Amino acid sequence: MRKKTTVFLTLLLLFSSFFLIFEKTKAAQTLQFKPFFTETADEVLAQMSLDEKIGQILIFGFWGDSLDENFQTWLTTGELGNIKIFLRNVETGEQLQGLTNLVIALAAESEYGIPPFIATDMEGGTVNHIRFEGIPLAPSAGLIGASGNFENARNTARLIALTLLEFGINMNFAPVVDILTNPENRVISTRSYGSDPQRVYEFSKIFIQEHEKLGIITVLKHFPGHGMTSFDSHLFSDSVDISREDLFNVHILPYRKLIREGKTGGIMVSHIIYNDIDPEYPAAFSTVVINNLLREELKYDGLVITDDLEMEGSQGYAKDIVDAFILAFRAGNDLLLVAHTEKLQKKLLDTAAGLFKNGTLSEDALDQKVLRVLKAKKKYLSRFYTNMSFEKEHETALKQSAEIVEKASNEGIVLLTSNIEGSIPDYFKLTTEKNQKGLILSPNSDFTDNVKKHLPDWEVLDIGSFPERELNKKRAKEAQHLLKKYDIIILGFTSIRQIEWAEACIQENIPFAILSINNPLTPMRFADYTLFLATSFGPHSPATDALYKNVFETGVFTGIFPYHFDEIIND
């Protein structure tokens, strides 16, 4: 009997704890965070300990679908003030909601109950860190740019913002305002709205507006520009030789206009060295870029946020995570992101206070950064938590937005080249009537399923989306002679690994078409050899659904390629 009673009490306690967390979340603004929103930022700052101040300028990522004991303690004590959600943290919608509820409840339990920034990357297209089965996804910036339609941009941004609101996420590391000017740039590619800085500014402004309505702070990236590079600063740091004039007239133009209009809540700086600005340090560690250029010259007074301090582009200039923290702090950053390694995060928390006590870093400078963070939270998060209370209304709006975005995706599908006569759907009907033998070179099961719906008799060879390089070359070479069996081939292009397969088709003189479901810049080298090349600018529905529909059913392509690399556009 005693055992049953103990089990019952344990279950009751667990249920009560969950209910308490849920209720705390729902009443976050009016109860748990009420003192924060009623006091001034200066009054809040005056009550904070050194550890709590440091916690407000840190944002940590973590592994798994729940918070471990360290993270729960750090949030409750105020040693950590902000959390970053990655795709690796997301299993289901229910799990994600419980996770953000817990983060809010733990922060509410800290001494001064300062609401946390809960951040993620939801750009649309390839970069959607909130993703699970059944969630409506937004198409990429590239597709929106190709549609040329501001209403499509607004509907897409609204879908993203409503999704974040539903799951308690109040900071979005988006939009990407990089101007794509280098065709070899694979890290930005379809994440950019285009090569026209005026259009990128206009689309970005709409994205920001839709988030601000719901109290979600957007973080523009990657200042002062990543679209001119041919390398990935996540993997290593390098420099660019772009002139200061071109940087200002092209890549900084959207920032200049948005700052002037007061439309910037946060800006993320890159880990790139701009030789004409500061040849010594990458932007995230450069006082010249942050304080001189961004703060003084562009008159920006919002939050400055680092990209991940664990990135190779950062670690190449800092001897360890503490050194990266020191460099980023001195350069002028307000929020410092450490995204992956708990051991490094713990080391930083154990060390940071001592840097201020021994004079390595200035506590006066810390106070200024914390004030900016507190003011941003007061400006955005009161509105955010108020909007969270209108749950049913936003659920309806989210459903409506998803339906609208699905239709809008059709307008951004681009037919980059076509060397066939007549419509593409008619062409495939003709191949069927002629009993031509077709092969699908498929990068994934989704591609196979969608193409087979329209071409059920075609054979399939799975080639993988991003297989190991040497193994992929070997497979393509070995399979090359088998391609002669087929009259026509469709190649699903998702990465540079499909280059070998396109070359094999060319060498065997087999007619082939390319469906690009990611970055279309790479397969464009085969434009003169393909039957046709069409792109969805991203690997997820509804963009891919629109691609298959336009290719196999309607034959209508209204999108206009948004990237060009032969001219510079001035303000």
Protein backbone atom coordinates (compact mmCIF):
# COMPACT_ATOMS: atom_id res chain seq x y z
CA MET A 1 0.00 0.00 0.00
CA ARG A 2 2.84 2.35 0.93
CA LYS A 3 4.53 1.59 -2.44
CA LYS A 4 1.35 2.49 -4.37
CA THR A 5 1.00 5.69 -2.37
CA THR A 6 4.61 6.64 -3.12
CA VAL A 7 4.13 6.04 -6.85
CA PHE A 8 0.93 8.08 -6.81
CA LEU A 9 2.61 10.97 -5.02
CA THR A 10 5.55 10.88 -7.43
CA LEU A 11 3.23 11.04 -10.45
CA LEU A 12 1.24 13.82 -8.82
CA LEU A 13 4.41 15.79 -8.20
CA LEU A 14 5.56 15.36 -11.80
CA PHE A 15 2.17 16.43 -13.11
CA SER A 16 2.07 19.40 -10.77
CA SER A 17 5.56 20.47 -11.87
CA PHE A 18 4.58 20.30 -15.54
CA PHE A 19 1.36 22.19 -14.86
CA LEU A 20 3.27 24.84 -12.92
CA ILE A 21 5.74 25.32 -15.77
CA PHE A 22 2.90 25.56 -18.27
CA GLU A 23 1.06 28.11 -16.16
CA LYS A 24 4.20 30.13 -15.59
CA THR A 25 4.76 30.29 -19.32
CA LYS A 26 1.24 31.38 -20.10
CA ALA A 27 1.40 34.10 -17.47
CA ALA A 28 5.02 35.04 -18.13
CA GLN A 29 4.49 38.71 -18.84
CA THR A 30 1.89 39.49 -16.21
CA LEU A 31 3.31 37.42 -13.33
CA GLN A 32 6.86 36.08 -13.55
CA PHE A 33 8.36 38.92 -15.62
CA LYS A 34 6.13 41.74 -14.38
CA PRO A 35 8.82 43.45 -12.24
CA PHE A 36 11.19 43.47 -15.20
CA PHE A 37 8.69 45.16 -17.50
CA THR A 38 7.62 47.74 -14.90
CA GLU A 39 11.12 48.86 -13.89
CA THR A 40 13.53 50.81 -16.09
CA ALA A 41 16.55 49.08 -17.60
CA ASP A 42 18.82 51.18 -15.35
CA GLU A 43 16.89 50.10 -12.25
CA VAL A 44 17.21 46.43 -13.24
CA LEU A 45 20.92 46.85 -13.96
CA ALA A 46 21.57 48.47 -10.57
CA GLN A 47 20.31 45.33 -8.80
CA MET A 48 22.30 42.79 -10.81
CA SER A 49 25.41 40.93 -9.68
CA LEU A 50 28.48 40.63 -11.88
CA ASP A 51 27.63 37.01 -12.76
CA GLU A 52 24.11 38.01 -13.78
CA LYS A 53 25.41 40.82 -15.97
CA ILE A 54 27.75 38.43 -17.73
CA GLY A 55 24.87 35.99 -18.19
CA GLN A 56 22.87 38.60 -20.09
CA ILE A 57 25.53 38.98 -22.80
CA LEU A 58 25.90 35.23 -23.34
CA ILE A 59 23.83 32.98 -25.55
CA PHE A 60 24.52 29.24 -25.51
CA GLY A 61 23.50 26.35 -27.71
CA PHE A 62 23.20 22.80 -26.39
CA TRP A 63 22.84 19.19 -27.52
CA GLY A 64 19.80 16.95 -27.29
CA ASP A 65 16.10 17.63 -26.97
CA SER A 66 16.18 18.72 -23.32
CA LEU A 67 18.25 20.85 -20.96
CA ASP A 68 20.74 19.07 -18.75
CA GLU A 69 21.35 19.93 -15.10
CA ASN A 70 24.06 22.50 -15.84
CA PHE A 71 21.86 24.49 -18.20
CA GLN A 72 18.92 24.42 -15.82
CA THR A 73 21.16 25.69 -13.02
CA TRP A 74 22.72 28.41 -15.17
CA LEU A 75 19.29 29.72 -16.18
CA THR A 76 17.92 29.65 -12.64
CA THR A 77 20.93 31.44 -11.14
CA GLY A 78 21.05 34.00 -13.94
CA GLU A 79 24.56 32.92 -15.00
CA LEU A 80 23.09 32.34 -18.48
CA GLY A 81 20.54 34.75 -19.86
CA ASN A 82 19.83 33.44 -23.36
CA ILE A 83 19.46 30.17 -25.28
CA LYS A 84 19.94 29.18 -28.94
CA ILE A 85 17.78 26.43 -30.48
CA PHE A 86 19.26 24.33 -33.29
CA LEU A 87 17.70 21.63 -35.46
CA ARG A 88 19.45 19.06 -33.26
CA ASN A 89 17.25 20.21 -30.35
CA VAL A 90 13.95 19.63 -32.16
CA GLU A 91 12.06 16.31 -32.28
CA THR A 92 8.36 17.25 -32.30
CA GLY A 93 6.25 20.32 -31.86
CA GLU A 94 5.07 19.19 -28.44
CA GLN A 95 8.65 18.50 -27.29
CA LEU A 96 9.83 21.90 -28.56
CA GLN A 97 6.98 23.70 -26.81
CA GLY A 98 7.85 21.94 -23.56
CA LEU A 99 11.51 22.88 -23.99
CA THR A 100 10.88 26.60 -24.47
CA ASN A 101 8.30 26.57 -21.67
CA LEU A 102 10.97 25.18 -19.36
CA VAL A 103 13.54 27.79 -20.44
CA ILE A 104 11.06 30.57 -19.69
CA ALA A 105 10.05 29.08 -16.34
CA LEU A 106 13.67 28.63 -15.24
CA ALA A 107 14.57 32.20 -16.20
CA ALA A 108 11.49 33.42 -14.33
CA GLU A 109 12.84 31.67 -11.21
CA SER A 110 16.10 33.68 -11.31
CA GLU A 111 16.45 36.45 -8.75
CA TYR A 112 15.31 39.30 -11.01
CA GLY A 113 13.20 37.28 -13.43
CA ILE A 114 14.73 38.67 -16.63
CA PRO A 115 13.11 37.06 -19.69
CA PRO A 116 15.53 35.17 -21.94
CA PHE A 117 16.16 35.61 -25.59
CA ILE A 118 15.31 32.23 -27.11
CA ALA A 119 16.89 32.36 -30.54
CA THR A 120 17.03 30.21 -33.64
CA ASP A 121 17.75 30.43 -37.39
CA MET A 122 14.54 30.47 -39.46
CA GLU A 123 15.49 32.00 -42.80
CA GLY A 124 13.35 29.80 -45.02
CA GLY A 125 14.69 27.30 -47.55
CA THR A 126 17.81 25.41 -46.51
CA VAL A 127 18.17 27.05 -43.10
CA ASN A 128 15.10 26.19 -41.03
CA HIS A 129 16.25 25.08 -37.58
CA ILE A 130 12.68 24.54 -36.42
CA ARG A 131 11.75 21.55 -38.53
CA PHE A 132 9.81 18.37 -37.85
CA GLU A 133 7.25 16.25 -39.65
CA GLY A 134 4.12 18.22 -40.42
CA ILE A 135 5.42 21.73 -39.77
CA PRO A 136 4.76 24.20 -42.60
CA LEU A 137 8.06 25.51 -43.96
CA ALA A 138 8.83 28.73 -45.78
CA PRO A 139 10.71 28.79 -49.10
CA SER A 140 14.15 30.33 -49.39
CA ALA A 141 14.98 34.00 -49.84
CA GLY A 142 16.22 33.09 -53.32
CA LEU A 143 12.79 31.82 -54.34
CA ILE A 144 11.11 34.95 -52.92
CA GLY A 145 13.60 37.11 -54.79
CA ALA A 146 12.88 35.17 -57.97
CA SER A 147 9.16 35.74 -57.56
CA GLY A 148 9.81 39.49 -57.39
CA ASN A 149 6.64 39.80 -55.34
CA PHE A 150 6.58 41.81 -52.12
CA GLU A 151 3.35 40.18 -51.02
CA ASN A 152 5.02 36.79 -51.29
CA ALA A 153 7.81 38.13 -49.10
CA ARG A 154 5.29 39.37 -46.54
CA ASN A 155 3.34 36.11 -46.44
CA THR A 156 6.52 34.07 -46.09
CA ALA A 157 7.86 36.28 -43.29
CA ARG A 158 4.49 36.09 -41.53
CA LEU A 159 4.53 32.29 -41.71
CA ILE A 160 8.00 32.19 -40.14
CA ALA A 161 7.12 34.70 -37.42
CA LEU A 162 3.88 32.93 -36.48
CA THR A 163 5.74 29.61 -36.30
CA LEU A 164 8.30 31.10 -33.92
CA LEU A 165 5.55 32.65 -31.78
CA GLU A 166 3.75 29.32 -31.50
CA PHE A 167 6.85 27.69 -30.06
CA GLY A 168 7.94 30.50 -27.76
CA ILE A 169 10.98 31.63 -29.79
CA ASN A 170 11.51 35.38 -29.66
CA MET A 171 14.74 36.01 -31.58
CA ASN A 172 15.40 35.04 -35.20
CA PHE A 173 18.91 35.09 -36.65
CA ALA A 174 17.48 36.30 -39.95
CA PRO A 175 17.06 37.78 -42.49
CA VAL A 176 20.21 37.22 -44.52
CA VAL A 177 20.86 40.62 -46.08
CA ASP A 178 23.97 39.50 -47.92
CA ILE A 179 24.17 40.60 -51.55
CA LEU A 180 25.20 37.63 -53.67
CA THR A 181 27.89 38.84 -56.07
CA ASN A 182 30.15 35.77 -56.33
CA PRO A 183 28.86 32.76 -58.28
CA GLU A 184 31.31 30.51 -56.39
CA ASN A 185 29.66 31.38 -53.07
CA ARG A 186 28.02 28.21 -51.76
CA VAL A 187 27.52 29.15 -48.10
CA ILE A 188 25.16 32.05 -48.88
CA SER A 189 23.76 31.18 -52.34
CA THR A 190 19.95 30.83 -52.11
CA ARG A 191 19.91 32.31 -48.60
CA SER A 192 20.27 35.69 -50.34
CA TYR A 193 17.31 37.52 -51.85
CA GLY A 194 19.44 38.50 -54.84
CA SER A 195 22.27 40.55 -56.29
CA ASP A 196 20.40 43.88 -56.27
CA PRO A 197 21.04 45.63 -52.92
CA GLN A 198 17.89 47.75 -53.25
CA ARG A 199 15.71 44.68 -53.66
CA VAL A 200 17.47 42.90 -50.80
CA TYR A 201 16.78 45.95 -48.62
CA GLU A 202 13.09 45.97 -49.59
CA PHE A 203 12.56 42.25 -48.97
CA SER A 204 14.51 42.38 -45.69
CA LYS A 205 12.46 45.31 -44.45
CA ILE A 206 9.25 43.32 -44.97
CA PHE A 207 10.74 40.33 -43.14
CA ILE A 208 11.61 42.54 -40.15
CA GLN A 209 8.20 44.21 -40.07
CA GLU A 210 6.30 40.93 -39.85
CA HIS A 211 8.46 39.76 -36.95
CA GLU A 212 8.25 43.06 -35.09
CA LYS A 213 4.45 42.92 -35.14
CA LEU A 214 4.65 39.85 -32.92
CA GLY A 215 7.47 41.08 -30.71
CA ILE A 216 10.18 38.92 -32.31
CA ILE A 217 13.58 40.56 -32.67
CA THR A 218 15.36 39.93 -35.96
CA VAL A 219 19.13 39.75 -36.37
CA LEU A 220 20.45 40.87 -39.75
CA LYS A 221 23.49 38.97 -41.00
CA HIS A 222 26.40 38.80 -41.88
CA PHE A 223 27.74 42.36 -41.46
CA PRO A 224 29.36 43.92 -43.40
CA GLY A 225 28.69 41.26 -46.06
CA HIS A 226 29.31 37.62 -46.94
CA GLY A 227 27.94 37.52 -50.48
CA MET A 228 31.24 38.36 -52.17
CA THR A 229 33.19 35.43 -50.69
CA SER A 230 34.09 32.04 -52.13
CA PHE A 231 34.74 30.38 -48.74
CA ASP A 232 32.71 29.32 -45.71
CA SER A 233 33.68 31.23 -42.57
CA HIS A 234 32.18 28.42 -40.49
CA LEU A 235 35.12 26.28 -41.64
CA PHE A 236 37.99 28.77 -41.77
CA SER A 237 38.68 32.47 -41.72
CA ASP A 238 39.92 34.27 -44.80
CA SER A 239 40.08 37.76 -46.18
CA VAL A 240 38.39 39.57 -49.05
CA ASP A 241 39.93 42.36 -51.10
CA ILE A 242 36.73 44.22 -51.89
CA SER A 243 37.17 47.98 -51.90
CA ARG A 244 35.60 50.13 -49.23
CA GLU A 245 33.59 51.89 -51.96
CA ASP A 246 32.07 48.67 -53.29
CA LEU A 247 31.43 47.44 -49.77
CA PHE A 248 29.45 50.60 -49.01
CA ASN A 249 27.62 50.94 -52.31
CA VAL A 250 26.58 47.29 -52.53
CA HIS A 251 26.96 45.10 -49.47
CA ILE A 252 26.33 47.66 -46.72
CA LEU A 253 23.50 49.45 -48.53
CA PRO A 254 20.65 47.42 -46.92
CA TYR A 255 22.16 47.97 -43.47
CA ARG A 256 22.53 51.71 -44.05
CA LYS A 257 18.91 52.10 -45.08
CA LEU A 258 17.46 49.85 -42.38
CA ILE A 259 19.53 51.52 -39.66
CA ARG A 260 18.46 54.95 -40.89
CA GLU A 261 14.81 53.86 -40.65
CA GLY A 262 15.23 52.32 -37.19
CA LYS A 263 14.40 48.83 -38.47
CA THR A 264 17.29 46.92 -36.91
CA GLY A 265 16.97 45.19 -33.56
CA GLY A 266 20.15 43.15 -33.95
CA ILE A 267 23.05 42.74 -36.35
CA MET A 268 25.34 39.69 -36.55
CA VAL A 269 28.93 40.33 -37.58
CA SER A 270 30.87 37.88 -39.69
CA HIS A 271 34.18 36.08 -39.10
CA ILE A 272 35.63 37.51 -42.34
CA ILE A 273 38.59 39.87 -42.70
CA TYR A 274 37.89 42.89 -44.93
CA ASN A 275 41.33 44.06 -46.00
CA ASP A 276 40.26 47.57 -46.96
CA ILE A 277 38.57 48.09 -43.56
CA ASP A 278 40.70 46.15 -41.06
CA PRO A 279 43.35 43.81 -42.50
CA GLU A 280 44.30 42.46 -39.06
CA TYR A 281 41.11 41.06 -37.51
CA PRO A 282 37.90 39.35 -38.68
CA ALA A 283 34.85 41.57 -38.29
CA ALA A 284 33.64 39.92 -35.06
CA PHE A 285 36.96 40.83 -33.39
CA SER A 286 37.43 44.21 -35.07
CA THR A 287 36.85 47.48 -33.22
CA VAL A 288 37.28 49.20 -36.59
CA VAL A 289 34.32 47.29 -38.06
CA ILE A 290 32.02 47.37 -35.02
CA ASN A 291 32.79 50.60 -33.18
CA ASN A 292 34.15 52.78 -35.96
CA LEU A 293 32.10 51.60 -38.94
CA LEU A 294 28.87 50.24 -37.48
CA ARG A 295 28.47 52.36 -34.34
CA GLU A 296 30.03 55.69 -35.28
CA GLU A 297 29.78 55.91 -39.05
CA LEU A 298 26.41 54.19 -39.56
CA LYS A 299 24.99 55.47 -36.22
CA TYR A 300 23.78 52.04 -35.13
CA ASP A 301 22.77 51.73 -31.47
CA GLY A 302 21.12 48.30 -31.42
CA LEU A 303 22.49 44.90 -30.45
CA VAL A 304 25.65 43.55 -32.07
CA ILE A 305 25.84 39.76 -31.99
CA THR A 306 28.71 37.44 -32.81
CA ASP A 307 28.40 34.40 -34.98
CA ASP A 308 29.45 31.27 -33.12
CA LEU A 309 32.74 31.84 -31.27
CA GLU A 310 33.54 28.17 -31.77
CA MET A 311 33.65 28.54 -35.55
CA GLU A 312 37.00 27.98 -37.19
CA GLY A 313 36.83 31.54 -38.46
CA SER A 314 36.92 32.61 -34.82
CA GLN A 315 39.27 30.00 -33.40
CA GLY A 316 41.84 30.81 -36.06
CA TYR A 317 42.42 34.16 -34.32
CA ALA A 318 41.73 33.29 -30.70
CA LYS A 319 43.86 30.82 -28.79
CA ASP A 320 40.85 29.47 -26.86
CA ILE A 321 37.24 30.27 -25.98
CA VAL A 322 38.22 32.73 -23.24
CA ASP A 323 40.46 34.62 -25.65
CA ALA A 324 37.62 34.66 -28.20
CA PHE A 325 35.34 36.12 -25.51
CA ILE A 326 37.90 38.83 -24.69
CA LEU A 327 38.43 39.77 -28.34
CA ALA A 328 34.71 39.84 -29.13
CA PHE A 329 33.90 41.84 -25.99
CA ARG A 330 36.58 44.46 -26.67
CA ALA A 331 35.54 44.75 -30.30
CA GLY A 332 32.08 45.95 -29.24
CA ASN A 333 29.77 42.92 -29.41
CA ASP A 334 26.79 42.84 -27.04
CA LEU A 335 25.70 39.19 -27.32
CA LEU A 336 28.31 36.47 -27.63
CA LEU A 337 27.28 33.09 -29.03
CA VAL A 338 28.93 29.84 -27.94
CA ALA A 339 26.89 27.29 -29.82
CA HIS A 340 28.08 23.76 -29.27
CA THR A 341 30.49 22.58 -26.59
CA GLU A 342 29.35 22.52 -22.97
CA LYS A 343 32.91 22.06 -21.71
CA LEU A 344 33.90 25.35 -23.34
CA GLN A 345 30.77 27.07 -22.08
CA LYS A 346 31.51 25.96 -18.51
CA LYS A 347 35.11 27.14 -18.83
CA LEU A 348 33.90 30.54 -19.96
CA LEU A 349 31.41 30.86 -17.09
CA ASP A 350 34.07 29.83 -14.57
CA THR A 351 36.55 32.36 -15.96
CA ALA A 352 34.55 35.39 -17.12
CA ALA A 353 33.96 37.13 -13.78
CA GLY A 354 37.67 37.09 -13.03
CA LEU A 355 38.37 39.00 -16.27
CA PHE A 356 36.40 41.95 -14.91
CA LYS A 357 37.71 41.69 -11.36
CA ASN A 358 41.36 41.75 -12.47
CA GLY A 359 40.86 44.59 -14.95
CA THR A 360 41.33 42.58 -18.15
CA LEU A 361 37.86 43.75 -19.21
CA SER A 362 35.90 46.84 -18.16
CA GLU A 363 32.77 46.46 -16.03
CA ASP A 364 31.63 49.89 -17.24
CA ALA A 365 31.72 48.53 -20.81
CA LEU A 366 29.83 45.45 -19.57
CA ASP A 367 27.13 47.69 -18.09
CA GLN A 368 26.64 49.41 -21.44
CA LYS A 369 26.23 46.08 -23.21
CA VAL A 370 23.82 44.77 -20.58
CA LEU A 371 21.77 47.97 -20.84
CA ARG A 372 21.41 47.45 -24.58
CA VAL A 373 20.31 43.84 -23.99
CA LEU A 374 17.81 44.85 -21.28
CA LYS A 375 16.37 47.67 -23.40
CA ALA A 376 15.93 45.32 -26.37
CA LYS A 377 14.16 42.77 -24.15
CA LYS A 378 11.85 45.43 -22.75
CA LYS A 379 11.10 46.76 -26.25
CA TYR A 380 10.30 43.41 -27.88
CA LEU A 381 9.42 40.79 -25.30
CA SER A 382 6.50 42.53 -23.60
CA ARG A 383 4.75 42.51 -26.98
CA PHE A 384 5.90 38.95 -27.60
CA TYR A 385 4.42 37.51 -24.40
CA THR A 386 1.22 39.48 -24.92
CA ASN A 387 0.90 37.95 -28.38
CA MET A 388 1.56 34.47 -27.00
CA SER A 389 -1.67 34.74 -25.01
CA PHE A 390 -3.73 34.97 -28.23
CA GLU A 391 -3.05 31.33 -29.01
CA LYS A 392 -6.15 30.35 -30.97
CA GLU A 393 -6.09 33.45 -33.16
CA HIS A 394 -2.48 32.83 -34.13
CA GLU A 395 -3.09 29.13 -34.81
CA THR A 396 -5.71 30.15 -37.39
CA ALA A 397 -3.40 32.78 -38.88
CA LEU A 398 -0.57 30.24 -39.09
CA LYS A 399 -2.73 27.79 -41.02
CA GLN A 400 -3.87 30.50 -43.41
CA SER A 401 -0.30 31.71 -43.97
CA ALA A 402 0.89 28.19 -44.76
CA GLU A 403 -1.80 27.83 -47.44
CA ILE A 404 -0.95 31.21 -48.98
CA VAL A 405 2.81 30.49 -49.02
CA GLU A 406 2.19 27.15 -50.71
CA LYS A 407 0.48 28.91 -53.59
CA ALA A 408 3.07 31.70 -53.67
CA SER A 409 5.94 29.23 -54.08
CA ASN A 410 4.84 28.52 -57.65
CA GLU A 411 5.72 32.09 -58.62
CA GLY A 412 9.39 31.69 -57.69
CA ILE A 413 10.23 28.53 -59.63
CA VAL A 414 12.72 29.39 -62.37
CA LEU A 415 13.42 27.65 -65.65
CA LEU A 416 17.06 28.60 -66.05
CA THR A 417 17.48 27.09 -69.48
CA SER A 418 15.57 24.89 -71.91
CA ASN A 419 16.79 23.27 -75.10
CA ILE A 420 13.57 21.49 -75.98
CA GLU A 421 10.72 22.60 -78.19
CA GLY A 422 7.29 23.07 -76.69
CA SER A 423 6.32 22.64 -73.06
CA ILE A 424 8.21 20.41 -70.67
CA PRO A 425 5.14 18.36 -69.59
CA ASP A 426 4.39 17.66 -73.27
CA TYR A 427 7.96 16.56 -73.78
CA PHE A 428 7.64 13.91 -71.07
CA LYS A 429 4.31 12.74 -72.47
CA LEU A 430 6.03 12.28 -75.82
CA THR A 431 8.84 10.20 -74.28
CA THR A 432 6.20 7.92 -72.80
CA GLU A 433 4.38 7.57 -76.11
CA LYS A 434 7.68 6.68 -77.81
CA ASN A 435 8.44 4.08 -75.09
CA GLN A 436 11.74 5.74 -74.37
CA LYS A 437 13.66 4.28 -71.47
CA GLY A 438 14.24 6.76 -68.66
CA LEU A 439 16.47 6.83 -65.58
CA ILE A 440 16.14 8.96 -62.44
CA LEU A 441 19.48 9.78 -60.80
CA SER A 442 18.03 10.48 -57.39
CA PRO A 443 19.70 12.22 -54.42
CA ASN A 444 17.05 11.15 -51.89
CA SER A 445 13.81 9.24 -51.41
CA ASP A 446 11.64 12.35 -51.52
CA PHE A 447 12.97 13.19 -54.97
CA THR A 448 12.36 9.61 -56.12
CA ASP A 449 8.79 9.53 -54.83
CA ASN A 450 7.84 12.83 -56.43
CA VAL A 451 9.35 12.14 -59.85
CA LYS A 452 7.96 8.57 -59.91
CA LYS A 453 4.46 9.95 -59.39
CA HIS A 454 4.74 11.42 -62.87
CA LEU A 455 7.10 8.91 -64.48
CA PRO A 456 6.15 5.58 -62.85
CA ASP A 457 7.90 3.38 -65.42
CA TRP A 458 11.29 5.05 -65.09
CA GLU A 459 14.09 3.25 -63.30
CA VAL A 460 15.91 4.78 -60.34
CA LEU A 461 19.56 4.90 -59.31
CA ASP A 462 20.15 6.33 -55.82
CA ILE A 463 23.24 8.55 -55.95
CA GLY A 464 22.95 10.27 -52.56
CA SER A 465 22.69 13.94 -51.69
CA PHE A 466 26.21 14.52 -50.40
CA PRO A 467 28.16 11.23 -50.49
CA GLU A 468 31.83 10.91 -49.60
CA ARG A 469 33.85 12.54 -52.38
CA GLU A 470 36.11 9.72 -53.57
CA LEU A 471 33.42 7.07 -53.23
CA ASN A 472 31.06 9.23 -55.27
CA LYS A 473 33.63 9.66 -58.05
CA LYS A 474 34.20 5.92 -58.12
CA ARG A 475 30.47 5.14 -58.31
CA ALA A 476 29.87 7.65 -61.09
CA LYS A 477 32.77 6.25 -63.12
CA GLU A 478 31.66 2.65 -62.64
CA ALA A 479 28.05 3.46 -63.54
CA GLN A 480 28.93 5.53 -66.59
CA HIS A 481 28.77 2.66 -69.10
CA LEU A 482 25.34 1.64 -67.70
CA LEU A 483 23.89 5.00 -68.67
CA LYS A 484 24.00 3.96 -72.34
CA LYS A 485 20.96 1.76 -71.68
CA TYR A 486 18.76 4.84 -71.30
CA ASP A 487 17.29 7.30 -73.76
CA ILE A 488 16.84 10.12 -71.24
CA ILE A 489 17.93 10.88 -67.68
CA ILE A 490 16.65 13.21 -64.95
CA LEU A 491 19.36 14.27 -62.51
CA GLY A 492 18.36 15.55 -59.07
CA PHE A 493 20.95 18.17 -58.14
CA THR A 494 21.43 18.99 -54.45
CA SER A 495 25.17 19.61 -54.07
CA ILE A 496 28.55 19.65 -55.81
CA ARG A 497 28.60 15.85 -55.54
CA GLN A 498 26.23 15.59 -58.52
CA ILE A 499 28.80 17.21 -60.82
CA GLU A 500 30.38 13.83 -61.59
CA TRP A 501 27.01 12.40 -62.62
CA ALA A 502 26.29 15.29 -64.99
CA GLU A 503 29.73 14.85 -66.54
CA ALA A 504 29.07 11.13 -66.96
CA CYS A 505 25.86 11.91 -68.88
CA ILE A 506 27.74 14.33 -71.12
CA GLN A 507 30.57 11.87 -71.81
CA GLU A 508 28.10 9.17 -72.80
CA ASN A 509 26.08 11.68 -74.84
CA ILE A 510 22.84 10.83 -73.01
CA PRO A 511 20.13 13.54 -73.04
CA PHE A 512 19.57 14.66 -69.45
CA ALA A 513 17.59 17.25 -67.53
CA ILE A 514 18.49 18.80 -64.18
CA LEU A 515 16.09 19.54 -61.35
CA SER A 516 18.04 21.66 -58.88
CA ILE A 517 16.53 21.42 -55.41
CA ASN A 518 19.12 23.56 -53.67
CA ASN A 519 21.78 25.95 -54.94
CA PRO A 520 21.26 26.37 -58.72
CA LEU A 521 24.60 28.11 -59.26
CA THR A 522 26.59 24.88 -59.37
CA PRO A 523 24.54 23.05 -62.05
CA MET A 524 24.38 26.19 -64.19
CA ARG A 525 27.77 25.16 -65.64
CA PHE A 526 25.85 22.44 -67.51
CA ALA A 527 23.20 24.77 -68.95
CA ASP A 528 24.40 24.29 -72.55
CA TYR A 529 24.34 20.50 -72.25
CA THR A 530 21.00 19.85 -70.54
CA LEU A 531 17.55 19.40 -71.99
CA PHE A 532 16.45 21.89 -69.36
CA LEU A 533 17.45 23.16 -65.94
CA ALA A 534 14.83 24.23 -63.39
CA THR A 535 15.25 25.14 -59.72
CA SER A 536 13.26 25.43 -56.50
CA PHE A 537 16.07 27.27 -54.63
CA GLY A 538 15.66 24.90 -51.67
CA PRO A 539 15.21 21.27 -50.63
CA HIS A 540 11.90 21.40 -48.78
CA SER A 541 8.18 21.59 -49.49
CA PRO A 542 6.34 23.72 -50.59
CA ALA A 543 9.15 24.89 -52.91
CA THR A 544 9.96 21.38 -54.16
CA ASP A 545 6.25 20.58 -54.61
CA ALA A 546 5.96 23.67 -56.79
CA LEU A 547 8.99 22.58 -58.83
CA TYR A 548 7.56 19.13 -59.57
CA LYS A 549 4.16 20.61 -60.39
CA ASN A 550 5.56 23.17 -62.81
CA VAL A 551 7.85 20.66 -64.53
CA PHE A 552 5.44 17.75 -64.89
CA GLU A 553 1.98 19.37 -64.89
CA THR A 554 1.68 23.06 -65.76
CA GLY A 555 4.87 23.87 -67.67
CA VAL A 556 4.53 27.46 -66.40
CA PHE A 557 7.61 29.20 -65.02
CA THR A 558 7.18 32.82 -63.91
CA GLY A 559 10.23 33.21 -61.66
CA ILE A 560 13.15 35.38 -62.77
CA PHE A 561 16.64 34.42 -61.66
CA PRO A 562 17.55 36.99 -58.93
CA TYR A 563 21.34 36.72 -59.16
CA HIS A 564 23.69 38.39 -61.61
CA PHE A 565 27.46 38.67 -61.51
CA ASP A 566 28.43 41.01 -64.33
CA GLU A 567 27.68 44.41 -62.84
CA ILE A 568 27.69 46.38 -59.62
CA ILE A 569 24.53 48.25 -58.64
CA ASN A 570 24.99 51.56 -56.87
CA ASP A 571 22.65 53.34 -54.47
